[in-house]
């Protein structure tokens, strides 16, 4: 009898723990499009020409995690991905502060910009604030 009660209690505890963890880690069911969203930034020199920067880094201030680094350019010159839907779960639903840093390839000038970008349980990443163009002096 004592064995049966112990097994029942042990089973109930294990189901209770599993259920609690699953609810914390999962997002609510929602309808999302199949689109793949990304947020980028265009780098320009003082004349407005697109440039390829050095030491491009994107850091999530909340976690300290580097989200992207050099070599994350896109098809057009001077355009770099800040975040995309592949990084959705690395961002909070309310929005995280994202710091973008880059260096001008010839002058060595360093530019930094702050973005607020949401992700998490949202369907797609979204820019809440932050520049679309970063221009060097």
Protein backbone atom coordinates (compact mmCIF):
# COMPACT_ATOMS: atom_id res chain seq x y z
CA UNK A 1 0.00 0.00 0.00
CA UNK A 2 2.78 2.43 0.94
CA UNK A 3 4.57 1.54 -2.29
CA UNK A 4 1.47 2.34 -4.35
CA UNK A 5 1.00 5.73 -2.66
CA UNK A 6 4.68 6.56 -3.18
CA UNK A 7 4.48 5.67 -6.89
CA UNK A 8 1.32 7.77 -7.34
CA UNK A 9 2.93 10.78 -5.60
CA UNK A 10 6.14 10.42 -7.60
CA UNK A 11 4.20 10.19 -10.88
CA UNK A 12 2.07 13.24 -9.98
CA UNK A 13 5.17 15.26 -9.12
CA UNK A 14 6.92 14.39 -12.38
CA UNK A 15 3.88 15.37 -14.46
CA UNK A 16 3.50 18.61 -12.50
CA UNK A 17 7.13 19.60 -13.14
CA UNK A 18 7.00 18.77 -16.83
CA UNK A 19 3.78 20.71 -17.34
CA UNK A 20 5.18 23.81 -15.57
CA UNK A 21 8.37 23.87 -17.68
CA UNK A 22 6.48 23.44 -20.94
CA UNK A 23 4.17 26.40 -20.24
CA UNK A 24 7.12 28.72 -19.48
CA UNK A 25 9.03 27.82 -22.65
CA UNK A 26 6.19 27.79 -25.20
CA UNK A 27 4.41 30.65 -26.93
CA UNK A 28 0.62 30.82 -27.32
CA UNK A 29 -0.86 29.47 -30.55
CA UNK A 30 -1.30 32.17 -33.16
CA UNK A 31 -1.74 32.61 -36.91
CA UNK A 32 1.43 33.89 -38.59
CA UNK A 33 2.33 34.49 -42.22
CA UNK A 34 5.02 32.44 -43.94
CA UNK A 35 6.98 35.63 -44.74
CA UNK A 36 10.56 35.79 -43.49
CA UNK A 37 11.22 39.22 -41.97
CA UNK A 38 14.59 40.89 -41.57
CA UNK A 39 15.73 44.28 -40.36
CA UNK A 40 18.76 45.90 -41.88
CA UNK A 41 20.84 49.04 -42.01
CA UNK A 42 22.49 50.89 -44.90
CA UNK A 43 25.96 52.37 -44.31
CA UNK A 44 26.96 55.47 -46.26
CA UNK A 45 30.00 57.73 -46.52
CA UNK A 46 29.72 61.51 -46.11
CA UNK A 47 28.76 61.82 -49.81
CA UNK A 48 25.83 59.40 -49.44
CA UNK A 49 27.54 56.50 -51.24
CA UNK A 50 27.03 52.97 -49.90
CA UNK A 51 30.15 51.56 -48.25
CA UNK A 52 31.31 48.23 -46.95
CA UNK A 53 32.22 48.64 -43.27
CA UNK A 54 34.69 46.81 -41.04
CA UNK A 55 34.15 45.32 -37.58
CA UNK A 56 30.36 45.16 -37.95
CA UNK A 57 28.83 43.86 -34.72
CA UNK A 58 25.27 43.51 -33.40
CA UNK A 59 24.82 42.93 -29.65
CA UNK A 60 21.64 42.30 -27.66
CA UNK A 61 22.05 44.49 -24.56
CA UNK A 62 19.65 42.36 -22.49
CA UNK A 63 21.61 39.13 -22.96
CA UNK A 64 25.04 40.39 -24.02
CA UNK A 65 24.88 37.97 -26.95
CA UNK A 66 26.47 38.90 -30.28
CA UNK A 67 23.72 38.31 -32.84
CA UNK A 68 25.68 38.87 -36.05
CA UNK A 69 29.19 39.83 -37.02
CA UNK A 70 31.29 40.74 -40.07
CA UNK A 71 30.28 39.10 -43.32
CA UNK A 72 26.54 39.49 -42.83
CA UNK A 73 26.04 41.84 -45.75
CA UNK A 74 23.08 41.46 -48.07
CA UNK A 75 22.74 41.75 -51.84
CA UNK A 76 23.09 45.53 -52.15
CA UNK A 77 26.34 47.34 -51.33
CA UNK A 78 26.59 48.70 -47.80
CA UNK A 79 23.43 46.98 -46.57
CA UNK A 80 23.79 44.76 -43.50
CA UNK A 81 21.33 42.55 -41.64
CA UNK A 82 20.73 43.59 -38.03
CA UNK A 83 18.35 40.72 -37.14
CA UNK A 84 15.97 38.37 -38.92
CA UNK A 85 13.28 35.83 -38.06
CA UNK A 86 15.98 33.19 -37.52
CA UNK A 87 16.88 35.12 -34.35
CA UNK A 88 13.27 35.55 -33.19
CA UNK A 89 13.68 33.51 -30.00
CA UNK A 90 16.83 35.44 -29.01
CA UNK A 91 14.72 38.58 -28.58
CA UNK A 92 11.96 39.45 -26.12
CA UNK A 93 8.38 40.00 -27.26
CA UNK A 94 8.40 43.50 -25.74
CA UNK A 95 11.61 44.49 -27.53
CA UNK A 96 15.31 44.50 -26.68
CA UNK A 97 17.91 47.21 -27.07
CA UNK A 98 20.26 46.19 -29.85
CA UNK A 99 23.60 47.98 -30.32
CA UNK A 100 25.08 48.09 -33.84
CA UNK A 101 28.73 49.08 -34.16
CA UNK A 102 30.86 49.45 -37.31
CA UNK A 103 34.08 51.05 -38.52
CA UNK A 104 34.61 53.12 -41.69
CA UNK A 105 37.02 51.13 -43.90
CA UNK A 106 39.41 54.00 -44.69
CA UNK A 107 39.02 56.66 -41.98
CA UNK A 108 38.68 54.27 -39.02
CA UNK A 109 35.74 56.27 -37.66
CA UNK A 110 33.50 54.15 -35.43
CA UNK A 111 29.73 54.56 -35.49
CA UNK A 112 27.27 53.09 -33.00
CA UNK A 113 23.48 53.04 -33.21
CA UNK A 114 20.85 51.77 -30.79
CA UNK A 115 17.77 49.89 -31.98
CA UNK A 116 14.78 48.52 -30.14
CA UNK A 117 13.65 45.31 -31.82
CA UNK A 118 10.96 42.86 -30.76
CA UNK A 119 10.82 39.13 -31.37
CA UNK A 120 10.10 36.35 -28.90
CA UNK A 121 6.54 35.09 -29.19
CA UNK A 122 5.67 37.56 -31.95
CA UNK A 123 5.32 36.17 -35.47
CA UNK A 124 8.23 38.18 -36.87
CA UNK A 125 11.03 40.48 -35.74
CA UNK A 126 9.99 44.15 -35.82
CA UNK A 127 11.88 47.44 -35.61
CA UNK A 128 10.40 49.58 -32.84
CA UNK A 129 13.08 52.25 -33.19
CA UNK A 130 16.49 52.74 -34.76
CA UNK A 131 17.94 54.23 -37.96
CA UNK A 132 17.60 52.76 -41.45
CA UNK A 133 20.78 54.57 -42.58
CA UNK A 134 24.01 55.18 -40.68
CA UNK A 135 26.13 57.86 -42.32
CA UNK A 136 29.81 58.44 -41.54
CA UNK A 137 31.22 61.99 -41.33
